[in-house]
Amino acid sequence: MSPRTPAPRSRRERPAKAALTYESIVATAVGLMATEGLQRVTMRRLAQELDTGPASLYVYVANTAELHAAILEELLGAVDLTPASEDGDWRDRLVRVLTSYTFVLFEHPALAHSALVARPSGPNYLALVESILALLYVGEVPDAQAAWGVDVLLQVATATAAEQSTRARTAGAEEEHNALAATLRQASTETHPRIAALGEDLASGAPGLRLEWIFRSVINGVRSTPREQGTD
């Protein structure tokens, strides 16, 4: 008796693909960023990973910029917002929230640059903004100044993360810093008197200390700088 030839398997018998959802799209995009880098997280590459067509993704995400904003929104869930509900000086607590946000971006250098223009709008972003506003309120910062100040504080944190993450990835970054310090030390008192007076102090300080000082100076500026009343 000859062996029987297996009957061809119908496509209908294959396991069905999981239904496409916004959550599955974002989760896959985050995974792609972790393994291949943010520059590879495009609508076409994401569609390939999800075994679908790019047109299917546009139902959920308008474009690549919105996709990157969605990734940022997902990662903002890692920001430590507990200082907002703790006791202690409101400035210290606000610095800790902003530092946590900055460190989340430090861990994802490409996303730090994208965050300069990507604007998330989900619950994690709203929770971050609410925490900052709540601490400014505790510090009796006038509402008008707080409304603009929250944007400035996040811009400073994001720009700092983008700059520092770029330097950290640049070959010879330490040598470049040492060369700058040497240049400042050798500045002429005749041609550059203020540089000569400050010297190496212009490039001094551990990154963490400089970051905290930046935040405190901006926070104090937000609190003490009134908004001019205009018609625009």
C-alpha atoms as a PDB file:
ATOM      1  CA  MET A   1       0.000   0.000   0.000  1.00  0.00           C
ATOM      2  CA  SER A   2       1.455   3.339  -1.070  1.00  0.00           C
ATOM      3  CA  PRO A   3       1.691   6.093   1.541  1.00  0.00           C
ATOM      4  CA  ARG A   4      -1.057   8.632   1.433  1.00  0.00           C
ATOM      5  CA  THR A   5      -0.170  12.151   0.308  1.00  0.00           C
ATOM      6  CA  PRO A   6      -1.117  14.726   2.954  1.00  0.00           C
ATOM      7  CA  ALA A   7      -3.995  16.875   1.877  1.00  0.00           C
ATOM      8  CA  PRO A   8      -3.042  20.511   1.264  1.00  0.00           C
ATOM      9  CA  ARG A   9      -3.779  22.701   4.261  1.00  0.00           C
ATOM     10  CA  SER A  10      -6.376  25.365   3.723  1.00  0.00           C
ATOM     11  CA  ARG A  11      -5.413  28.961   4.495  1.00  0.00           C
ATOM     12  CA  ARG A  12      -8.511  29.111   6.629  1.00  0.00           C
ATOM     13  CA  GLU A  13      -6.913  26.572   8.983  1.00  0.00           C
ATOM     14  CA  ARG A  14      -3.898  28.804   9.680  1.00  0.00           C
ATOM     15  CA  PRO A  15      -3.868  30.735  12.950  1.00  0.00           C
ATOM     16  CA  ALA A  16      -5.535  34.081  12.485  1.00  0.00           C
ATOM     17  CA  LYS A  17      -3.439  37.181  12.983  1.00  0.00           C
ATOM     18  CA  ALA A  18      -4.117  39.149  16.103  1.00  0.00           C
ATOM     19  CA  ALA A  19      -6.424  42.065  15.527  1.00  0.00           C
ATOM     20  CA  LEU A  20      -4.604  45.317  14.835  1.00  0.00           C
ATOM     21  CA  THR A  21      -5.024  47.862  17.632  1.00  0.00           C
ATOM     22  CA  TYR A  22      -3.447  51.184  18.560  1.00  0.00           C
ATOM     23  CA  GLU A  23      -1.882  49.542  21.624  1.00  0.00           C
ATOM     24  CA  SER A  24      -0.322  46.727  19.584  1.00  0.00           C
ATOM     25  CA  ILE A  25       1.045  49.228  17.060  1.00  0.00           C
ATOM     26  CA  VAL A  26       2.713  51.336  19.762  1.00  0.00           C
ATOM     27  CA  ALA A  27       4.055  48.286  21.615  1.00  0.00           C
ATOM     28  CA  THR A  28       5.592  46.963  18.405  1.00  0.00           C
ATOM     29  CA  ALA A  29       7.060  50.384  17.611  1.00  0.00           C
ATOM     30  CA  VAL A  30       8.685  50.551  21.071  1.00  0.00           C
ATOM     31  CA  GLY A  31      10.153  47.091  20.524  1.00  0.00           C
ATOM     32  CA  LEU A  32      11.520  48.084  17.128  1.00  0.00           C
ATOM     33  CA  MET A  33      13.143  51.168  18.595  1.00  0.00           C
ATOM     34  CA  ALA A  34      14.833  49.052  21.249  1.00  0.00           C
ATOM     35  CA  THR A  35      16.228  46.564  18.750  1.00  0.00           C
ATOM     36  CA  GLU A  36      16.805  48.605  15.597  1.00  0.00           C
ATOM     37  CA  GLY A  37      16.842  52.261  16.645  1.00  0.00           C
ATOM     38  CA  LEU A  38      14.305  55.037  16.218  1.00  0.00           C
ATOM     39  CA  GLN A  39      15.420  55.823  12.673  1.00  0.00           C
ATOM     40  CA  ARG A  40      14.101  52.410  11.631  1.00  0.00           C
ATOM     41  CA  VAL A  41      10.678  52.978  13.153  1.00  0.00           C
ATOM     42  CA  THR A  42       8.851  54.010  10.005  1.00  0.00           C
ATOM     43  CA  MET A  43       5.321  53.236   8.917  1.00  0.00           C
ATOM     44  CA  ARG A  44       6.613  50.847   6.251  1.00  0.00           C
ATOM     45  CA  ARG A  45       8.955  48.971   8.613  1.00  0.00           C
ATOM     46  CA  LEU A  46       6.272  48.798  11.286  1.00  0.00           C
ATOM     47  CA  ALA A  47       3.744  47.426   8.809  1.00  0.00           C
ATOM     48  CA  GLN A  48       6.242  44.750   7.822  1.00  0.00           C
ATOM     49  CA  GLU A  49       6.742  43.774  11.461  1.00  0.00           C
ATOM     50  CA  LEU A  50       2.978  43.555  11.999  1.00  0.00           C
ATOM     51  CA  ASP A  51       2.453  41.626   8.763  1.00  0.00           C
ATOM     52  CA  THR A  52       0.080  44.175   7.334  1.00  0.00           C
ATOM     53  CA  GLY A  53       0.064  47.020   4.850  1.00  0.00           C
ATOM     54  CA  PRO A  54       1.067  50.617   5.683  1.00  0.00           C
ATOM     55  CA  ALA A  55      -2.422  51.776   4.779  1.00  0.00           C
ATOM     56  CA  SER A  56      -3.806  49.787   7.711  1.00  0.00           C
ATOM     57  CA  LEU A  57      -1.622  51.743  10.125  1.00  0.00           C
ATOM     58  CA  TYR A  58      -2.830  55.123   8.953  1.00  0.00           C
ATOM     59  CA  VAL A  59      -6.229  54.332  10.455  1.00  0.00           C
ATOM     60  CA  TYR A  60      -4.552  54.553  13.871  1.00  0.00           C
ATOM     61  CA  VAL A  61      -1.491  56.809  13.346  1.00  0.00           C
ATOM     62  CA  ALA A  62      -1.373  59.719  10.893  1.00  0.00           C
ATOM     63  CA  ASN A  63       2.369  59.709  10.122  1.00  0.00           C
ATOM     64  CA  THR A  64       5.832  58.842  11.427  1.00  0.00           C
ATOM     65  CA  ALA A  65       6.029  61.983  13.588  1.00  0.00           C
ATOM     66  CA  GLU A  66       2.796  60.995  15.342  1.00  0.00           C
ATOM     67  CA  LEU A  67       4.145  57.475  15.734  1.00  0.00           C
ATOM     68  CA  HIS A  68       7.279  58.799  17.456  1.00  0.00           C
ATOM     69  CA  ALA A  69       5.091  60.945  19.706  1.00  0.00           C
ATOM     70  CA  ALA A  70       3.158  57.800  20.630  1.00  0.00           C
ATOM     71  CA  ILE A  71       6.422  56.044  21.526  1.00  0.00           C
ATOM     72  CA  LEU A  72       7.409  58.977  23.711  1.00  0.00           C
ATOM     73  CA  GLU A  73       4.005  58.900  25.393  1.00  0.00           C
ATOM     74  CA  GLU A  74       4.499  55.222  26.200  1.00  0.00           C
ATOM     75  CA  LEU A  75       7.955  55.801  27.689  1.00  0.00           C
ATOM     76  CA  LEU A  76       6.750  58.741  29.786  1.00  0.00           C
ATOM     77  CA  GLY A  77       5.074  56.136  31.961  1.00  0.00           C
ATOM     78  CA  ALA A  78       8.547  55.516  33.441  1.00  0.00           C
ATOM     79  CA  VAL A  79       8.887  59.090  34.738  1.00  0.00           C
ATOM     80  CA  ASP A  80       8.835  59.166  38.551  1.00  0.00           C
ATOM     81  CA  LEU A  81       6.029  61.514  39.554  1.00  0.00           C
ATOM     82  CA  THR A  82       5.957  60.554  43.232  1.00  0.00           C
ATOM     83  CA  PRO A  83       7.842  63.720  44.331  1.00  0.00           C
ATOM     84  CA  ALA A  84       4.744  65.716  43.377  1.00  0.00           C
ATOM     85  CA  SER A  85       2.790  64.089  46.215  1.00  0.00           C
ATOM     86  CA  GLU A  86       5.576  64.102  48.809  1.00  0.00           C
ATOM     87  CA  ASP A  87       6.433  66.653  51.488  1.00  0.00           C
ATOM     88  CA  GLY A  88       9.413  68.971  51.339  1.00  0.00           C
ATOM     89  CA  ASP A  89      10.480  72.038  49.411  1.00  0.00           C
ATOM     90  CA  TRP A  90       8.462  72.321  46.203  1.00  0.00           C
ATOM     91  CA  ARG A  91      11.545  73.284  44.189  1.00  0.00           C
ATOM     92  CA  ASP A  92      13.407  70.141  45.268  1.00  0.00           C
ATOM     93  CA  ARG A  93      10.418  68.011  44.335  1.00  0.00           C
ATOM     94  CA  LEU A  94      10.045  69.707  40.957  1.00  0.00           C
ATOM     95  CA  VAL A  95      13.742  69.237  40.200  1.00  0.00           C
ATOM     96  CA  ARG A  96      13.361  65.508  40.912  1.00  0.00           C
ATOM     97  CA  VAL A  97      10.399  65.189  38.531  1.00  0.00           C
ATOM     98  CA  LEU A  98      12.224  67.065  35.762  1.00  0.00           C
ATOM     99  CA  THR A  99      15.385  65.057  36.341  1.00  0.00           C
ATOM    100  CA  SER A 100      13.467  61.795  36.071  1.00  0.00           C
ATOM    101  CA  TYR A 101      11.936  62.955  32.787  1.00  0.00           C
ATOM    102  CA  THR A 102      15.377  63.926  31.480  1.00  0.00           C
ATOM    103  CA  PHE A 103      16.875  60.567  32.429  1.00  0.00           C
ATOM    104  CA  VAL A 104      14.107  58.714  30.592  1.00  0.00           C
ATOM    105  CA  LEU A 105      15.194  60.585  27.459  1.00  0.00           C
ATOM    106  CA  PHE A 106      18.879  59.924  28.241  1.00  0.00           C
ATOM    107  CA  GLU A 107      18.147  56.212  27.935  1.00  0.00           C
ATOM    108  CA  HIS A 108      16.772  56.744  24.404  1.00  0.00           C
ATOM    109  CA  PRO A 109      19.114  59.236  22.649  1.00  0.00           C
ATOM    110  CA  ALA A 110      17.337  59.275  19.289  1.00  0.00           C
ATOM    111  CA  LEU A 111      14.005  59.832  20.985  1.00  0.00           C
ATOM    112  CA  ALA A 112      15.451  62.799  22.884  1.00  0.00           C
ATOM    113  CA  HIS A 113      15.967  64.571  19.558  1.00  0.00           C
ATOM    114  CA  SER A 114      12.563  63.543  18.279  1.00  0.00           C
ATOM    115  CA  ALA A 115      10.980  64.827  21.495  1.00  0.00           C
ATOM    116  CA  LEU A 116      12.013  68.364  20.549  1.00  0.00           C
ATOM    117  CA  VAL A 117       9.228  68.328  17.958  1.00  0.00           C
ATOM    118  CA  ALA A 118       7.129  65.280  18.893  1.00  0.00           C
ATOM    119  CA  ARG A 119       4.192  66.269  21.068  1.00  0.00           C
ATOM    120  CA  PRO A 120       2.525  63.409  22.935  1.00  0.00           C
ATOM    121  CA  SER A 121      -0.991  63.950  24.201  1.00  0.00           C
ATOM    122  CA  GLY A 122      -1.829  60.806  26.142  1.00  0.00           C
ATOM    123  CA  PRO A 123      -2.401  60.169  29.853  1.00  0.00           C
ATOM    124  CA  ASN A 124       1.297  59.834  30.721  1.00  0.00           C
ATOM    125  CA  TYR A 125       2.092  63.241  29.211  1.00  0.00           C
ATOM    126  CA  LEU A 126      -0.909  64.832  30.914  1.00  0.00           C
ATOM    127  CA  ALA A 127       0.158  63.310  34.246  1.00  0.00           C
ATOM    128  CA  LEU A 128       3.631  64.816  33.825  1.00  0.00           C
ATOM    129  CA  VAL A 129       2.243  68.268  32.990  1.00  0.00           C
ATOM    130  CA  GLU A 130      -0.239  68.079  35.872  1.00  0.00           C
ATOM    131  CA  SER A 131       2.540  67.184  38.314  1.00  0.00           C
ATOM    132  CA  ILE A 132       4.665  70.148  37.211  1.00  0.00           C
ATOM    133  CA  LEU A 133       1.715  72.538  37.407  1.00  0.00           C
ATOM    134  CA  ALA A 134       0.739  71.212  40.821  1.00  0.00           C
ATOM    135  CA  LEU A 135       4.224  71.899  42.186  1.00  0.00           C
ATOM    136  CA  LEU A 136       4.290  75.379  40.665  1.00  0.00           C
ATOM    137  CA  TYR A 137       0.943  75.972  42.383  1.00  0.00           C
ATOM    138  CA  VAL A 138       2.379  74.819  45.709  1.00  0.00           C
ATOM    139  CA  GLY A 139       5.180  77.323  45.142  1.00  0.00           C
ATOM    140  CA  GLU A 140       2.583  80.062  44.647  1.00  0.00           C
ATOM    141  CA  VAL A 141       3.686  80.708  41.099  1.00  0.00           C
ATOM    142  CA  PRO A 142       0.986  82.862  39.455  1.00  0.00           C
ATOM    143  CA  ASP A 143      -1.204  80.875  37.086  1.00  0.00           C
ATOM    144  CA  ALA A 144      -0.252  82.936  34.034  1.00  0.00           C
ATOM    145  CA  GLN A 145       3.439  82.302  34.638  1.00  0.00           C
ATOM    146  CA  ALA A 146       2.873  78.630  35.392  1.00  0.00           C
ATOM    147  CA  ALA A 147       0.945  78.205  32.138  1.00  0.00           C
ATOM    148  CA  TRP A 148       3.956  79.316  30.125  1.00  0.00           C
ATOM    149  CA  GLY A 149       6.530  78.018  32.575  1.00  0.00           C
ATOM    150  CA  VAL A 150       5.589  74.354  32.238  1.00  0.00           C
ATOM    151  CA  ASP A 151       6.380  74.526  28.521  1.00  0.00           C
ATOM    152  CA  VAL A 152       9.741  76.198  29.157  1.00  0.00           C
ATOM    153  CA  LEU A 153      10.725  73.662  31.820  1.00  0.00           C
ATOM    154  CA  LEU A 154       9.941  70.710  29.546  1.00  0.00           C
ATOM    155  CA  GLN A 155      11.753  72.369  26.636  1.00  0.00           C
ATOM    156  CA  VAL A 156      14.875  72.881  28.753  1.00  0.00           C
ATOM    157  CA  ALA A 157      14.780  69.286  30.003  1.00  0.00           C
ATOM    158  CA  THR A 158      14.257  67.900  26.501  1.00  0.00           C
ATOM    159  CA  ALA A 159      16.959  70.045  24.887  1.00  0.00           C
ATOM    160  CA  THR A 160      19.416  69.141  27.656  1.00  0.00           C
ATOM    161  CA  ALA A 161      18.723  65.437  27.161  1.00  0.00           C
ATOM    162  CA  ALA A 162      19.157  65.755  23.391  1.00  0.00           C
ATOM    163  CA  GLU A 163      22.450  67.622  23.754  1.00  0.00           C
ATOM    164  CA  GLN A 164      23.931  65.373  26.420  1.00  0.00           C
ATOM    165  CA  SER A 165      22.856  62.159  24.702  1.00  0.00           C
ATOM    166  CA  THR A 166      24.562  63.345  21.514  1.00  0.00           C
ATOM    167  CA  ARG A 167      27.775  64.135  23.380  1.00  0.00           C
ATOM    168  CA  ALA A 168      27.699  60.783  25.157  1.00  0.00           C
ATOM    169  CA  ARG A 169      27.553  58.968  21.816  1.00  0.00           C
ATOM    170  CA  THR A 170      30.243  61.090  20.155  1.00  0.00           C
ATOM    171  CA  ALA A 171      33.667  59.497  19.875  1.00  0.00           C
ATOM    172  CA  GLY A 172      36.287  61.530  21.672  1.00  0.00           C
ATOM    173  CA  ALA A 173      33.758  63.529  23.698  1.00  0.00           C
ATOM    174  CA  GLU A 174      36.042  63.565  26.751  1.00  0.00           C
ATOM    175  CA  GLU A 175      39.009  64.716  24.680  1.00  0.00           C
ATOM    176  CA  GLU A 176      36.865  67.464  23.188  1.00  0.00           C
ATOM    177  CA  HIS A 177      35.852  68.642  26.661  1.00  0.00           C
ATOM    178  CA  ASN A 178      39.486  68.644  27.824  1.00  0.00           C
ATOM    179  CA  ALA A 179      40.530  70.630  24.760  1.00  0.00           C
ATOM    180  CA  LEU A 180      37.813  73.203  25.462  1.00  0.00           C
ATOM    181  CA  ALA A 181      38.947  73.525  29.078  1.00  0.00           C
ATOM    182  CA  ALA A 182      42.525  74.065  27.926  1.00  0.00           C
ATOM    183  CA  THR A 183      41.427  76.722  25.468  1.00  0.00           C
ATOM    184  CA  LEU A 184      39.530  78.566  28.174  1.00  0.00           C
ATOM    185  CA  ARG A 185      42.523  78.399  30.530  1.00  0.00           C
ATOM    186  CA  GLN A 186      44.770  79.965  27.924  1.00  0.00           C
ATOM    187  CA  ALA A 187      42.454  82.838  27.007  1.00  0.00           C
ATOM    188  CA  SER A 188      44.223  86.207  26.955  1.00  0.00           C
ATOM    189  CA  THR A 189      43.347  88.723  29.658  1.00  0.00           C
ATOM    190  CA  GLU A 190      43.752  91.459  27.063  1.00  0.00           C
ATOM    191  CA  THR A 191      41.459  90.141  24.348  1.00  0.00           C
ATOM    192  CA  HIS A 192      39.037  88.033  26.422  1.00  0.00           C
ATOM    193  CA  PRO A 193      39.200  89.359  29.987  1.00  0.00           C
ATOM    194  CA  ARG A 194      35.976  87.774  31.245  1.00  0.00           C
ATOM    195  CA  ILE A 195      36.839  84.349  29.835  1.00  0.00           C
ATOM    196  CA  ALA A 196      40.295  84.608  31.399  1.00  0.00           C
ATOM    197  CA  ALA A 197      38.757  85.594  34.736  1.00  0.00           C
ATOM    198  CA  LEU A 198      36.448  82.578  34.852  1.00  0.00           C
ATOM    199  CA  GLY A 199      38.748  80.144  33.060  1.00  0.00           C
ATOM    200  CA  GLU A 200      38.058  76.476  33.617  1.00  0.00           C
ATOM    201  CA  ASP A 201      35.034  77.251  35.748  1.00  0.00           C
ATOM    202  CA  LEU A 202      33.129  77.808  32.498  1.00  0.00           C
ATOM    203  CA  ALA A 203      33.358  74.071  31.807  1.00  0.00           C
ATOM    204  CA  SER A 204      33.387  72.839  35.406  1.00  0.00           C
ATOM    205  CA  GLY A 205      30.869  70.846  37.391  1.00  0.00           C
ATOM    206  CA  ALA A 206      29.546  67.314  37.221  1.00  0.00           C
ATOM    207  CA  PRO A 207      26.685  66.871  34.719  1.00  0.00           C
ATOM    208  CA  GLY A 208      24.189  66.125  37.500  1.00  0.00           C
ATOM    209  CA  LEU A 209      25.047  69.298  39.392  1.00  0.00           C
ATOM    210  CA  ARG A 210      24.845  71.427  36.268  1.00  0.00           C
ATOM    211  CA  LEU A 211      21.486  69.877  35.383  1.00  0.00           C
ATOM    212  CA  GLU A 212      20.060  70.631  38.823  1.00  0.00           C
ATOM    213  CA  TRP A 213      21.337  74.219  38.646  1.00  0.00           C
ATOM    214  CA  ILE A 214      19.753  74.675  35.219  1.00  0.00           C
ATOM    215  CA  PHE A 215      16.378  73.526  36.505  1.00  0.00           C
ATOM    216  CA  ARG A 216      16.561  75.678  39.624  1.00  0.00           C
ATOM    217  CA  SER A 217      17.510  78.791  37.672  1.00  0.00           C
ATOM    218  CA  VAL A 218      14.615  78.296  35.248  1.00  0.00           C
ATOM    219  CA  ILE A 219      12.155  77.501  38.061  1.00  0.00           C
ATOM    220  CA  ASN A 220      13.179  80.658  39.905  1.00  0.00           C
ATOM    221  CA  GLY A 221      12.875  82.629  36.688  1.00  0.00           C
ATOM    222  CA  VAL A 222       9.363  81.338  36.045  1.00  0.00           C
ATOM    223  CA  ARG A 223       8.338  82.295  39.577  1.00  0.00           C
ATOM    224  CA  SER A 224       9.828  85.801  39.510  1.00  0.00           C
ATOM    225  CA  THR A 225       9.172  86.897  35.925  1.00  0.00           C
ATOM    226  CA  PRO A 226       5.628  88.246  35.396  1.00  0.00           C
ATOM    227  CA  ARG A 227       3.914  87.948  32.052  1.00  0.00           C
ATOM    228  CA  GLU A 228       3.217  91.208  30.320  1.00  0.00           C
ATOM    229  CA  GLN A 229      -0.427  91.780  29.610  1.00  0.00           C
ATOM    230  CA  GLY A 230      -0.999  92.009  25.872  1.00  0.00           C
ATOM    231  CA  THR A 231      -3.817  91.755  23.395  1.00  0.00           C
ATOM    232  CA  ASP A 232      -2.229  89.065  21.202  1.00  0.00           C
END
